[in-house]
PDB file of N, CA and C in Angstrom:
ATOM      1  N   MET A   1      -4.394  -3.618   9.459  1.00  0.00           N
ATOM      2  CA  MET A   1      -3.829  -4.336   8.582  1.00  0.00           C
ATOM      3  C   MET A   1      -3.364  -3.076   7.721  1.00  0.00           C
ATOM      4  N   ALA A   2      -1.988  -2.495   7.277  1.00  0.00           N
ATOM      5  CA  ALA A   2      -1.824  -1.464   6.783  1.00  0.00           C
ATOM      6  C   ALA A   2      -0.228  -2.219   5.466  1.00  0.00           C
ATOM      7  N   TRP A   3      -1.181  -1.464   4.252  1.00  0.00           N
ATOM      8  CA  TRP A   3      -0.648  -2.414   2.951  1.00  0.00           C
ATOM      9  C   TRP A   3       0.148  -1.249   1.743  1.00  0.00           C
ATOM     10  N   ILE A   4       0.824  -0.834   2.118  1.00  0.00           N
ATOM     11  CA  ILE A   4       1.671  -0.226   1.754  1.00  0.00           C
ATOM     12  C   ILE A   4       2.233  -0.428   0.458  1.00  0.00           C
ATOM     13  N   CYS A   5       1.691   0.528  -0.855  1.00  0.00           N
ATOM     14  CA  CYS A   5       2.040   0.935  -2.459  1.00  0.00           C
ATOM     15  C   CYS A   5       3.071   1.174  -2.194  1.00  0.00           C
ATOM     16  N   ALA A   6       4.376   0.879  -3.620  1.00  0.00           N
ATOM     17  CA  ALA A   6       5.208   2.515  -4.244  1.00  0.00           C
ATOM     18  C   ALA A   6       4.529   2.786  -5.299  1.00  0.00           C
ATOM     19  N   LEU A   7       3.515   2.405  -5.719  1.00  0.00           N
ATOM     20  CA  LEU A   7       3.426   2.670  -7.492  1.00  0.00           C
ATOM     21  C   LEU A   7       1.418   2.663  -7.453  1.00  0.00           C
ATOM     22  N   HIS A   8       0.783   3.901  -8.097  1.00  0.00           N
ATOM     23  CA  HIS A   8      -0.202   3.928  -7.795  1.00  0.00           C
ATOM     24  C   HIS A   8      -0.817   2.847  -8.810  1.00  0.00           C
ATOM     25  N   THR A   9      -0.362   2.108  -9.656  1.00  0.00           N
ATOM     26  CA  THR A   9      -1.159   0.596 -10.512  1.00  0.00           C
ATOM     27  C   THR A   9      -1.007  -0.276  -9.212  1.00  0.00           C
ATOM     28  N   GLU A  10      -0.362  -0.212  -8.326  1.00  0.00           N
ATOM     29  CA  GLU A  10       0.031  -1.218  -7.120  1.00  0.00           C
ATOM     30  C   GLU A  10      -1.832  -0.907  -6.038  1.00  0.00           C
ATOM     31  N   VAL A  11      -2.205   0.486  -6.401  1.00  0.00           N
ATOM     32  CA  VAL A  11      -3.100   0.732  -5.324  1.00  0.00           C
ATOM     33  C   VAL A  11      -3.777   0.050  -5.976  1.00  0.00           C
ATOM     34  N   ALA A  12      -4.484   0.488  -7.498  1.00  0.00           N
ATOM     35  CA  ALA A  12      -5.550  -0.084  -7.982  1.00  0.00           C
ATOM     36  C   ALA A  12      -5.620  -1.517  -7.965  1.00  0.00           C
ATOM     37  N   ALA A  13      -5.006  -2.943  -7.552  1.00  0.00           N
ATOM     38  CA  ALA A  13      -4.639  -3.905  -7.982  1.00  0.00           C
ATOM     39  C   ALA A  13      -4.856  -4.166  -5.632  1.00  0.00           C
ATOM     40  N   ALA A  14      -4.687  -3.558  -5.458  1.00  0.00           N
ATOM     41  CA  ALA A  14      -5.285  -3.729  -3.772  1.00  0.00           C
ATOM     42  C   ALA A  14      -6.162  -3.547  -3.447  1.00  0.00           C
ATOM     43  N   GLN A  15      -6.568  -2.348  -4.359  1.00  0.00           N
ATOM     44  CA  GLN A  15      -7.715  -2.276  -4.338  1.00  0.00           C
ATOM     45  C   GLN A  15      -8.755  -2.871  -4.430  1.00  0.00           C
ATOM     46  N   ALA A  16      -8.791  -3.457  -6.082  1.00  0.00           N
ATOM     47  CA  ALA A  16      -9.804  -4.643  -6.417  1.00  0.00           C
ATOM     48  C   ALA A  16      -9.555  -5.985  -5.710  1.00  0.00           C
ATOM     49  N   MET A  17      -8.586  -6.361  -4.723  1.00  0.00           N
ATOM     50  CA  MET A  17      -8.317  -7.107  -4.059  1.00  0.00           C
ATOM     51  C   MET A  17      -9.465  -7.030  -2.488  1.00  0.00           C
ATOM     52  N   LEU A  18     -10.067  -5.752  -1.931  1.00  0.00           N
ATOM     53  CA  LEU A  18     -11.391  -5.299  -1.070  1.00  0.00           C
ATOM     54  C   LEU A  18     -12.400  -6.283  -0.976  1.00  0.00           C
ATOM     55  N   ASP A  19     -13.240  -6.346   0.035  1.00  0.00           N
ATOM     56  CA  ASP A  19     -13.604  -7.168  -0.320  1.00  0.00           C
ATOM     57  C   ASP A  19     -15.631  -6.490   0.030  1.00  0.00           C
ATOM     58  N   GLU A  20     -14.680  -5.116   0.248  1.00  0.00           N
ATOM     59  CA  GLU A  20     -15.508  -4.103   1.019  1.00  0.00           C
ATOM     60  C   GLU A  20     -14.443  -3.278   1.359  1.00  0.00           C
ATOM     61  N   THR A  21     -15.206  -1.553   0.834  1.00  0.00           N
ATOM     62  CA  THR A  21     -14.606   0.013   1.417  1.00  0.00           C
ATOM     63  C   THR A  21     -15.546   0.318   1.860  1.00  0.00           C
ATOM     64  N   HIS A  22     -14.666   1.395   2.367  1.00  0.00           N
ATOM     65  CA  HIS A  22     -15.246   2.028   3.930  1.00  0.00           C
ATOM     66  C   HIS A  22     -15.013   3.441   3.174  1.00  0.00           C
ATOM     67  N   PRO A  23     -15.707   4.637   3.447  1.00  0.00           N
ATOM     68  CA  PRO A  23     -15.855   6.007   3.056  1.00  0.00           C
ATOM     69  C   PRO A  23     -14.358   6.887   3.889  1.00  0.00           C
ATOM     70  N   PRO A  24     -13.454   7.824   3.607  1.00  0.00           N
ATOM     71  CA  PRO A  24     -12.047   7.544   3.706  1.00  0.00           C
ATOM     72  C   PRO A  24     -12.510   8.596   5.396  1.00  0.00           C
ATOM     73  N   LEU A  25     -11.777   8.628   6.227  1.00  0.00           N
ATOM     74  CA  LEU A  25     -11.681   9.628   7.440  1.00  0.00           C
ATOM     75  C   LEU A  25     -10.450  10.320   7.162  1.00  0.00           C
ATOM     76  N   SER A  26     -10.511  11.388   7.738  1.00  0.00           N
ATOM     77  CA  SER A  26      -9.783  12.910   8.215  1.00  0.00           C
ATOM     78  C   SER A  26      -8.611  12.117   9.053  1.00  0.00           C
ATOM     79  N   ALA A  27      -7.461  12.494   7.784  1.00  0.00           N
ATOM     80  CA  ALA A  27      -6.206  12.121   8.851  1.00  0.00           C
ATOM     81  C   ALA A  27      -5.730  13.365   9.406  1.00  0.00           C
ATOM     82  N   LEU A  28      -4.163  13.249  10.368  1.00  0.00           N
ATOM     83  CA  LEU A  28      -4.494  14.093  11.209  1.00  0.00           C
ATOM     84  C   LEU A  28      -3.275  15.123  10.316  1.00  0.00           C
ATOM     85  N   ASN A  29      -3.154  16.391  11.025  1.00  0.00           N
ATOM     86  CA  ASN A  29      -2.632  17.370  10.284  1.00  0.00           C
ATOM     87  C   ASN A  29      -0.968  16.854  10.309  1.00  0.00           C
ATOM     88  N   GLY A  30      -0.800  17.631   8.767  1.00  0.00           N
ATOM     89  CA  GLY A  30       0.782  17.093   8.267  1.00  0.00           C
ATOM     90  C   GLY A  30       0.720  15.652   8.338  1.00  0.00           C
ATOM     91  N   ASP A  31      -0.384  15.266   7.734  1.00  0.00           N
ATOM     92  CA  ASP A  31      -0.567  13.529   6.744  1.00  0.00           C
ATOM     93  C   ASP A  31      -0.720  14.086   5.365  1.00  0.00           C
ATOM     94  N   GLY A  32       0.406  13.995   4.981  1.00  0.00           N
ATOM     95  CA  GLY A  32      -0.562  14.653   2.990  1.00  0.00           C
ATOM     96  C   GLY A  32      -1.026  12.955   2.821  1.00  0.00           C
ATOM     97  N   ASN A  33      -0.679  11.576   3.390  1.00  0.00           N
ATOM     98  CA  ASN A  33      -0.869  10.350   2.913  1.00  0.00           C
ATOM     99  C   ASN A  33      -2.379   9.691   2.136  1.00  0.00           C
ATOM    100  N   ALA A  34      -2.922   9.741   1.067  1.00  0.00           N
ATOM    101  CA  ALA A  34      -4.469   9.375   0.742  1.00  0.00           C
ATOM    102  C   ALA A  34      -3.880   8.145   0.990  1.00  0.00           C
ATOM    103  N   TYR A  35      -4.920   7.143   1.791  1.00  0.00           N
ATOM    104  CA  TYR A  35      -5.921   6.287   1.945  1.00  0.00           C
ATOM    105  C   TYR A  35      -7.119   5.778   1.880  1.00  0.00           C
ATOM    106  N   THR A  36      -7.003   4.575   1.062  1.00  0.00           N
ATOM    107  CA  THR A  36      -8.165   3.596   1.529  1.00  0.00           C
ATOM    108  C   THR A  36      -8.514   3.031   2.289  1.00  0.00           C
ATOM    109  N   LEU A  37      -9.499   2.654   2.821  1.00  0.00           N
ATOM    110  CA  LEU A  37     -10.082   1.580   3.778  1.00  0.00           C
ATOM    111  C   LEU A  37     -10.988   0.340   3.132  1.00  0.00           C
ATOM    112  N   GLY A  38     -10.764  -0.378   3.332  1.00  0.00           N
ATOM    113  CA  GLY A  38     -11.219  -1.213   3.472  1.00  0.00           C
ATOM    114  C   GLY A  38     -11.299  -2.945   4.536  1.00  0.00           C
ATOM    115  N   THR A  39     -11.905  -4.261   3.709  1.00  0.00           N
ATOM    116  CA  THR A  39     -12.283  -5.679   5.123  1.00  0.00           C
ATOM    117  C   THR A  39     -11.611  -6.313   3.513  1.00  0.00           C
ATOM    118  N   ILE A  40     -10.569  -7.002   3.969  1.00  0.00           N
ATOM    119  CA  ILE A  40      -9.909  -8.709   3.123  1.00  0.00           C
ATOM    120  C   ILE A  40     -11.111  -9.842   4.660  1.00  0.00           C
ATOM    121  N   GLU A  41     -12.278 -10.203   4.383  1.00  0.00           N
ATOM    122  CA  GLU A  41     -12.793 -11.212   4.744  1.00  0.00           C
ATOM    123  C   GLU A  41     -12.417 -10.233   5.791  1.00  0.00           C
ATOM    124  N   LYS A  42     -12.018 -10.612   7.251  1.00  0.00           N
ATOM    125  CA  LYS A  42     -12.547 -10.088   8.692  1.00  0.00           C
ATOM    126  C   LYS A  42     -11.523  -8.783   9.086  1.00  0.00           C
ATOM    127  N   HIS A  43     -10.890  -8.748   8.219  1.00  0.00           N
ATOM    128  CA  HIS A  43      -9.507  -7.958   8.853  1.00  0.00           C
ATOM    129  C   HIS A  43      -9.635  -6.895   8.180  1.00  0.00           C
ATOM    130  N   ARG A  44      -9.464  -5.898   9.097  1.00  0.00           N
ATOM    131  CA  ARG A  44      -9.761  -4.245   8.787  1.00  0.00           C
ATOM    132  C   ARG A  44      -8.669  -3.633   7.714  1.00  0.00           C
ATOM    133  N   VAL A  45      -8.410  -3.229   6.987  1.00  0.00           N
ATOM    134  CA  VAL A  45      -7.606  -2.528   5.955  1.00  0.00           C
ATOM    135  C   VAL A  45      -7.001  -1.376   5.580  1.00  0.00           C
ATOM    136  N   VAL A  46      -6.069  -0.848   5.935  1.00  0.00           N
ATOM    137  CA  VAL A  46      -5.652   1.162   5.181  1.00  0.00           C
ATOM    138  C   VAL A  46      -4.497   0.829   4.414  1.00  0.00           C
ATOM    139  N   ILE A  47      -4.891   1.095   2.990  1.00  0.00           N
ATOM    140  CA  ILE A  47      -3.777   0.997   2.350  1.00  0.00           C
ATOM    141  C   ILE A  47      -2.540   2.653   1.557  1.00  0.00           C
ATOM    142  N   ALA A  48      -2.076   2.982   1.607  1.00  0.00           N
ATOM    143  CA  ALA A  48      -1.568   3.854   1.581  1.00  0.00           C
ATOM    144  C   ALA A  48      -0.551   4.158   0.883  1.00  0.00           C
ATOM    145  N   CYS A  49       0.011   5.281  -0.066  1.00  0.00           N
ATOM    146  CA  CYS A  49       0.723   4.789  -1.266  1.00  0.00           C
ATOM    147  C   CYS A  49       1.881   6.253  -1.301  1.00  0.00           C
ATOM    148  N   LEU A  50       3.152   5.785  -1.658  1.00  0.00           N
ATOM    149  CA  LEU A  50       4.484   6.807  -2.032  1.00  0.00           C
ATOM    150  C   LEU A  50       4.024   7.804  -2.986  1.00  0.00           C
ATOM    151  N   PRO A  51       4.701   9.156  -2.742  1.00  0.00           N
ATOM    152  CA  PRO A  51       3.882  10.105  -3.450  1.00  0.00           C
ATOM    153  C   PRO A  51       4.737   9.231  -5.336  1.00  0.00           C
ATOM    154  N   VAL A  52       4.032   9.862  -6.117  1.00  0.00           N
ATOM    155  CA  VAL A  52       4.154  10.461  -7.299  1.00  0.00           C
ATOM    156  C   VAL A  52       5.565  10.289  -7.518  1.00  0.00           C
ATOM    157  N   GLY A  53       6.749   9.745  -8.385  1.00  0.00           N
ATOM    158  CA  GLY A  53       7.946   9.528  -8.222  1.00  0.00           C
ATOM    159  C   GLY A  53       8.655   9.524  -7.507  1.00  0.00           C
ATOM    160  N   GLN A  54       8.553   9.522  -6.500  1.00  0.00           N
ATOM    161  CA  GLN A  54       9.148   9.879  -4.681  1.00  0.00           C
ATOM    162  C   GLN A  54       9.072   8.328  -4.549  1.00  0.00           C
ATOM    163  N   TYR A  55      11.043   7.488  -4.815  1.00  0.00           N
ATOM    164  CA  TYR A  55      10.875   6.013  -4.658  1.00  0.00           C
ATOM    165  C   TYR A  55      11.904   6.355  -3.175  1.00  0.00           C
ATOM    166  N   GLY A  56      12.195   4.824  -3.024  1.00  0.00           N
ATOM    167  CA  GLY A  56      13.477   4.911  -1.930  1.00  0.00           C
ATOM    168  C   GLY A  56      13.065   4.653  -0.066  1.00  0.00           C
ATOM    169  N   THR A  57      13.794   3.933   0.489  1.00  0.00           N
ATOM    170  CA  THR A  57      13.783   4.014   1.660  1.00  0.00           C
ATOM    171  C   THR A  57      12.869   4.918   2.393  1.00  0.00           C
ATOM    172  N   ASN A  58      13.475   6.435   2.403  1.00  0.00           N
ATOM    173  CA  ASN A  58      12.923   7.292   3.305  1.00  0.00           C
ATOM    174  C   ASN A  58      11.445   7.767   2.823  1.00  0.00           C
ATOM    175  N   ASN A  59      11.501   7.517   1.243  1.00  0.00           N
ATOM    176  CA  ASN A  59       9.761   7.943   1.426  1.00  0.00           C
ATOM    177  C   ASN A  59       8.822   7.023   2.223  1.00  0.00           C
ATOM    178  N   ALA A  60       9.153   5.299   1.673  1.00  0.00           N
ATOM    179  CA  ALA A  60       8.247   4.582   2.252  1.00  0.00           C
ATOM    180  C   ALA A  60       8.385   5.036   3.874  1.00  0.00           C
ATOM    181  N   ALA A  61       9.388   5.044   4.493  1.00  0.00           N
ATOM    182  CA  ALA A  61       9.717   5.362   6.311  1.00  0.00           C
ATOM    183  C   ALA A  61       8.600   6.852   6.384  1.00  0.00           C
ATOM    184  N   ASN A  62       8.760   7.825   5.538  1.00  0.00           N
ATOM    185  CA  ASN A  62       7.478   9.055   6.072  1.00  0.00           C
ATOM    186  C   ASN A  62       5.930   8.105   6.176  1.00  0.00           C
ATOM    187  N   VAL A  63       5.846   7.916   4.502  1.00  0.00           N
ATOM    188  CA  VAL A  63       4.454   6.989   4.592  1.00  0.00           C
ATOM    189  C   VAL A  63       4.047   6.683   5.919  1.00  0.00           C
ATOM    190  N   VAL A  64       4.835   5.160   6.074  1.00  0.00           N
ATOM    191  CA  VAL A  64       4.576   4.585   7.033  1.00  0.00           C
ATOM    192  C   VAL A  64       4.128   5.228   8.578  1.00  0.00           C
ATOM    193  N   THR A  65       5.355   6.456   9.098  1.00  0.00           N
ATOM    194  CA  THR A  65       5.320   7.412  10.115  1.00  0.00           C
ATOM    195  C   THR A  65       4.061   7.743   9.992  1.00  0.00           C
ATOM    196  N   ASN A  66       3.658   8.565   8.745  1.00  0.00           N
ATOM    197  CA  ASN A  66       2.071   9.532   9.035  1.00  0.00           C
ATOM    198  C   ASN A  66       0.639   8.484   9.379  1.00  0.00           C
ATOM    199  N   LEU A  67       0.689   7.509   7.924  1.00  0.00           N
ATOM    200  CA  LEU A  67       0.315   6.368   8.735  1.00  0.00           C
ATOM    201  C   LEU A  67       0.148   5.759  10.460  1.00  0.00           C
ATOM    202  N   ARG A  68       1.419   5.612  10.472  1.00  0.00           N
ATOM    203  CA  ARG A  68       1.262   5.269  12.629  1.00  0.00           C
ATOM    204  C   ARG A  68       0.419   6.225  13.411  1.00  0.00           C
ATOM    205  N   ARG A  69       0.391   7.515  13.275  1.00  0.00           N
ATOM    206  CA  ARG A  69       0.418   8.450  13.803  1.00  0.00           C
ATOM    207  C   ARG A  69      -1.186   8.393  13.669  1.00  0.00           C
ATOM    208  N   THR A  70      -1.725   8.367  12.191  1.00  0.00           N
ATOM    209  CA  THR A  70      -3.206   9.149  11.337  1.00  0.00           C
ATOM    210  C   THR A  70      -4.020   6.819  12.426  1.00  0.00           C
ATOM    211  N   PHE A  71      -3.466   6.011  12.038  1.00  0.00           N
ATOM    212  CA  PHE A  71      -4.378   5.113  12.854  1.00  0.00           C
ATOM    213  C   PHE A  71      -3.048   4.322  13.800  1.00  0.00           C
ATOM    214  N   PRO A  72      -3.032   4.452  14.904  1.00  0.00           N
ATOM    215  CA  PRO A  72      -2.432   4.188  15.712  1.00  0.00           C
ATOM    216  C   PRO A  72      -2.474   2.386  16.365  1.00  0.00           C
ATOM    217  N   SER A  73      -3.554   2.190  16.056  1.00  0.00           N
ATOM    218  CA  SER A  73      -4.090   1.352  16.475  1.00  0.00           C
ATOM    219  C   SER A  73      -3.637  -0.109  15.405  1.00  0.00           C
ATOM    220  N   ILE A  74      -2.799   0.123  14.481  1.00  0.00           N
ATOM    221  CA  ILE A  74      -2.306  -0.429  13.478  1.00  0.00           C
ATOM    222  C   ILE A  74      -1.325  -1.433  13.426  1.00  0.00           C
ATOM    223  N   ARG A  75      -1.528  -2.672  13.459  1.00  0.00           N
ATOM    224  CA  ARG A  75      -1.082  -3.904  14.184  1.00  0.00           C
ATOM    225  C   ARG A  75       0.981  -4.137  13.033  1.00  0.00           C
ATOM    226  N   ALA A  76       0.301  -4.519  12.400  1.00  0.00           N
ATOM    227  CA  ALA A  76       0.886  -5.213  11.038  1.00  0.00           C
ATOM    228  C   ALA A  76       1.219  -4.516   9.948  1.00  0.00           C
ATOM    229  N   GLY A  77       1.666  -4.187   8.871  1.00  0.00           N
ATOM    230  CA  GLY A  77       1.891  -4.039   8.070  1.00  0.00           C
ATOM    231  C   GLY A  77       2.637  -4.298   6.702  1.00  0.00           C
ATOM    232  N   LEU A  78       2.535  -4.685   5.421  1.00  0.00           N
ATOM    233  CA  LEU A  78       2.960  -4.959   4.251  1.00  0.00           C
ATOM    234  C   LEU A  78       3.234  -3.906   3.453  1.00  0.00           C
ATOM    235  N   MET A  79       5.007  -4.422   2.560  1.00  0.00           N
ATOM    236  CA  MET A  79       4.824  -3.227   1.666  1.00  0.00           C
ATOM    237  C   MET A  79       4.751  -4.154   0.173  1.00  0.00           C
ATOM    238  N   VAL A  80       4.405  -4.207  -0.474  1.00  0.00           N
ATOM    239  CA  VAL A  80       3.519  -5.206  -1.428  1.00  0.00           C
ATOM    240  C   VAL A  80       4.018  -4.657  -3.290  1.00  0.00           C
ATOM    241  N   GLY A  81       4.845  -5.147  -3.708  1.00  0.00           N
ATOM    242  CA  GLY A  81       4.799  -4.412  -5.293  1.00  0.00           C
ATOM    243  C   GLY A  81       4.442  -5.718  -6.182  1.00  0.00           C
ATOM    244  N   ILE A  82       4.717  -5.336  -7.784  1.00  0.00           N
ATOM    245  CA  ILE A  82       4.330  -5.712  -8.665  1.00  0.00           C
ATOM    246  C   ILE A  82       5.864  -6.947  -9.117  1.00  0.00           C
ATOM    247  N   GLY A  83       5.186  -7.629  -9.135  1.00  0.00           N
ATOM    248  CA  GLY A  83       6.939  -9.136  -9.442  1.00  0.00           C
ATOM    249  C   GLY A  83       6.733  -8.924 -10.800  1.00  0.00           C
ATOM    250  N   VAL A  84       7.632  -9.104 -11.503  1.00  0.00           N
ATOM    251  CA  VAL A  84       8.249  -8.752 -13.293  1.00  0.00           C
ATOM    252  C   VAL A  84       8.487 -10.546 -12.816  1.00  0.00           C
ATOM    253  N   LEU A  85       8.104 -11.211 -14.265  1.00  0.00           N
ATOM    254  CA  LEU A  85       9.273 -12.433 -14.971  1.00  0.00           C
ATOM    255  C   LEU A  85      10.333 -12.345 -15.802  1.00  0.00           C
ATOM    256  N   TYR A  86      11.038 -12.570 -15.517  1.00  0.00           N
ATOM    257  CA  TYR A  86      11.815 -12.628 -17.479  1.00  0.00           C
ATOM    258  C   TYR A  86      12.192 -13.889 -17.419  1.00  0.00           C
ATOM    259  N   GLU A  87      11.611 -14.496 -18.754  1.00  0.00           N
ATOM    260  CA  GLU A  87      12.309 -15.442 -19.413  1.00  0.00           C
ATOM    261  C   GLU A  87      13.360 -15.399 -20.240  1.00  0.00           C
ATOM    262  N   ASP A  88      14.607 -16.322 -20.398  1.00  0.00           N
ATOM    263  CA  ASP A  88      15.501 -15.759 -21.008  1.00  0.00           C
ATOM    264  C   ASP A  88      14.902 -17.191 -22.423  1.00  0.00           C
ATOM    265  N   SER A  89      14.554 -16.801 -23.351  1.00  0.00           N
ATOM    266  CA  SER A  89      14.146 -17.721 -24.957  1.00  0.00           C
ATOM    267  C   SER A  89      15.151 -18.593 -25.429  1.00  0.00           C
ATOM    268  N   SER A  90      16.153 -17.820 -25.231  1.00  0.00           N
ATOM    269  CA  SER A  90      17.900 -18.530 -25.752  1.00  0.00           C
ATOM    270  C   SER A  90      18.232 -19.791 -25.141  1.00  0.00           C
ATOM    271  N   SER A  91      17.557 -19.655 -23.988  1.00  0.00           N
ATOM    272  CA  SER A  91      17.655 -21.000 -22.717  1.00  0.00           C
ATOM    273  C   SER A  91      16.878 -22.414 -23.316  1.00  0.00           C
ATOM    274  N   SER A  92      17.046 -23.250 -23.836  1.00  0.00           N
ATOM    275  CA  SER A  92      16.796 -25.108 -23.724  1.00  0.00           C
ATOM    276  C   SER A  92      15.867 -25.360 -22.254  1.00  0.00           C
ATOM    277  N   GLU A  93      15.962 -25.011 -21.587  1.00  0.00           N
ATOM    278  CA  GLU A  93      16.101 -25.842 -20.381  1.00  0.00           C
ATOM    279  C   GLU A  93      14.364 -24.875 -19.929  1.00  0.00           C
ATOM    280  N   ASN A  94      13.489 -25.857 -19.831  1.00  0.00           N
ATOM    281  CA  ASN A  94      11.811 -25.653 -19.049  1.00  0.00           C
ATOM    282  C   ASN A  94      12.027 -24.995 -17.603  1.00  0.00           C
TER     283      ASN A  94
END
């Protein structure tokens, strides 16, 4: 399972979800991603993040392309981010 994060604060949250972490592996030449490896229950997980200050679908695609080259047996991936709730305090409805 690949877990892609847009922000480094999201990586910290993802790492906290791991039941177990594993030592890092060497990435392929040309792969600038930093990976965190671990498990959640019986699932092997690799966590990667977009480079600092680089957002958008092109940068996400670059991260995934390199991840798939380094970990060709990945079968599924998620891009998970921080959610925000905005509450309108002027509303009388609950």
